[in-house]
Protein backbone atom coordinates (compact mmCIF):
# COMPACT_ATOMS: atom_id res chain seq x y z
CA MET A 1 107.86 -24.39 -31.49
CA ARG A 2 109.40 -27.28 -29.62
CA ARG A 3 109.00 -25.48 -26.29
CA ALA A 4 105.34 -24.80 -27.04
CA GLU A 5 104.74 -28.47 -27.90
CA GLU A 6 106.48 -29.59 -24.70
CA THR A 7 104.29 -27.23 -22.69
CA ARG A 8 101.14 -28.46 -24.41
CA ASP A 9 102.12 -32.07 -23.69
CA ALA A 10 102.76 -31.27 -20.02
CA VAL A 11 99.48 -29.41 -19.60
CA GLU A 12 97.52 -32.09 -21.40
CA GLY A 13 99.14 -34.81 -19.31
CA ALA A 14 98.42 -32.95 -16.08
CA LEU A 15 94.78 -32.39 -17.07
CA VAL A 16 94.28 -36.06 -17.94
CA GLY A 17 96.00 -37.12 -14.71
CA LEU A 18 93.80 -34.82 -12.64
CA GLY A 19 90.68 -36.10 -14.36
CA ARG A 20 91.65 -39.72 -13.80
CA TRP A 21 92.37 -39.00 -10.13
CA LEU A 22 88.99 -37.28 -9.73
CA LEU A 23 87.21 -40.15 -11.41
CA VAL A 24 88.84 -42.79 -9.22
CA GLN A 25 89.02 -40.95 -5.89
CA VAL A 26 85.83 -38.89 -5.97
CA PHE A 27 83.54 -41.08 -8.10
CA ASP A 28 84.89 -44.58 -7.34
CA ASP A 29 85.81 -45.04 -11.02
CA ASP A 30 82.15 -44.72 -12.03
CA ALA A 31 82.06 -42.82 -15.32
CA ALA A 32 78.25 -42.68 -15.35
CA ALA A 33 78.17 -41.07 -11.90
CA ALA A 34 80.84 -38.60 -12.98
CA LEU A 35 78.95 -37.62 -16.12
CA ASP A 36 75.34 -37.74 -14.98
CA GLY A 37 75.24 -37.61 -11.20
CA ARG A 38 78.23 -35.52 -10.24
CA HIS A 39 76.18 -32.76 -8.64
CA GLN A 40 74.83 -35.21 -6.07
CA ASN A 41 78.38 -36.03 -4.93
CA PRO A 42 79.26 -33.96 -1.82
CA VAL A 43 83.02 -34.08 -2.48
CA TRP A 44 82.52 -32.79 -6.01
CA ARG A 45 80.24 -30.02 -4.79
CA GLU A 46 82.88 -28.98 -2.25
CA LEU A 47 85.59 -28.95 -4.91
CA LEU A 48 83.43 -26.70 -7.08
CA ARG A 49 82.70 -24.43 -4.12
CA ARG A 50 86.42 -23.99 -3.47
CA ALA A 51 87.43 -23.67 -7.13
CA GLY A 52 89.13 -20.42 -7.98
CA GLY A 53 89.65 -19.47 -4.37
CA PRO A 54 92.64 -19.51 -2.03
CA THR A 55 92.17 -23.18 -1.07
CA LEU A 56 91.85 -24.50 -4.64
CA ARG A 57 93.56 -22.41 -7.27
CA LEU A 58 92.00 -24.22 -10.19
CA SER A 59 88.94 -22.92 -11.94
CA GLU A 60 85.65 -24.76 -11.97
CA ARG A 61 86.11 -25.09 -15.74
CA VAL A 62 89.44 -26.92 -15.35
CA LEU A 63 87.89 -29.37 -12.89
CA CYS A 64 84.93 -30.02 -15.18
CA VAL A 65 87.03 -30.46 -18.32
CA ALA A 66 89.44 -32.83 -16.56
CA LEU A 67 86.59 -34.94 -15.20
CA HIS A 68 84.76 -35.05 -18.53
CA VAL A 69 87.88 -36.12 -20.43
CA ALA A 70 88.56 -38.97 -17.99
CA ALA A 71 84.94 -40.12 -17.79
CA HIS A 72 84.50 -40.10 -21.57
CA ASP A 73 87.78 -42.00 -22.01
CA VAL A 74 86.62 -44.70 -19.59
CA HIS A 75 83.15 -44.83 -21.12
CA ALA A 76 84.58 -45.14 -24.65
CA ALA A 77 87.09 -47.81 -23.62
CA ARG A 78 84.37 -49.92 -21.99
CA HIS A 79 82.17 -49.51 -25.05
CA ARG A 80 85.01 -50.71 -27.31
CA LEU A 81 85.56 -53.74 -25.06
CA ARG A 82 81.91 -54.73 -25.26
CA ARG A 83 81.97 -54.48 -29.06
CA ARG A 84 85.07 -56.67 -29.30
CA ARG A 85 83.76 -59.51 -27.14
CA PRO A 86 82.49 -62.42 -29.18
CA ALA A 87 78.79 -63.15 -28.81
CA LEU A 88 78.02 -66.08 -26.57
CA VAL A 89 75.79 -68.59 -28.29
């Protein structure tokens, strides 16, 4: 059980790290662009084209899940910050 949990933690950490890297490096840390406009991004389109092949041995699904996790985390964090700010009167 412990080995399975360690593996899950490692995989989860790697997926989150990949998503964060994609968000920052490919989408300039723009969660909205990553969620809504990703198919207009030429780097993203190229990553998807190569996914599952000999030059990128990750599936398209892994790329998409990683990006969505990171973008939703950023979006949620920014939303929480806006709710916590006191109203200016």
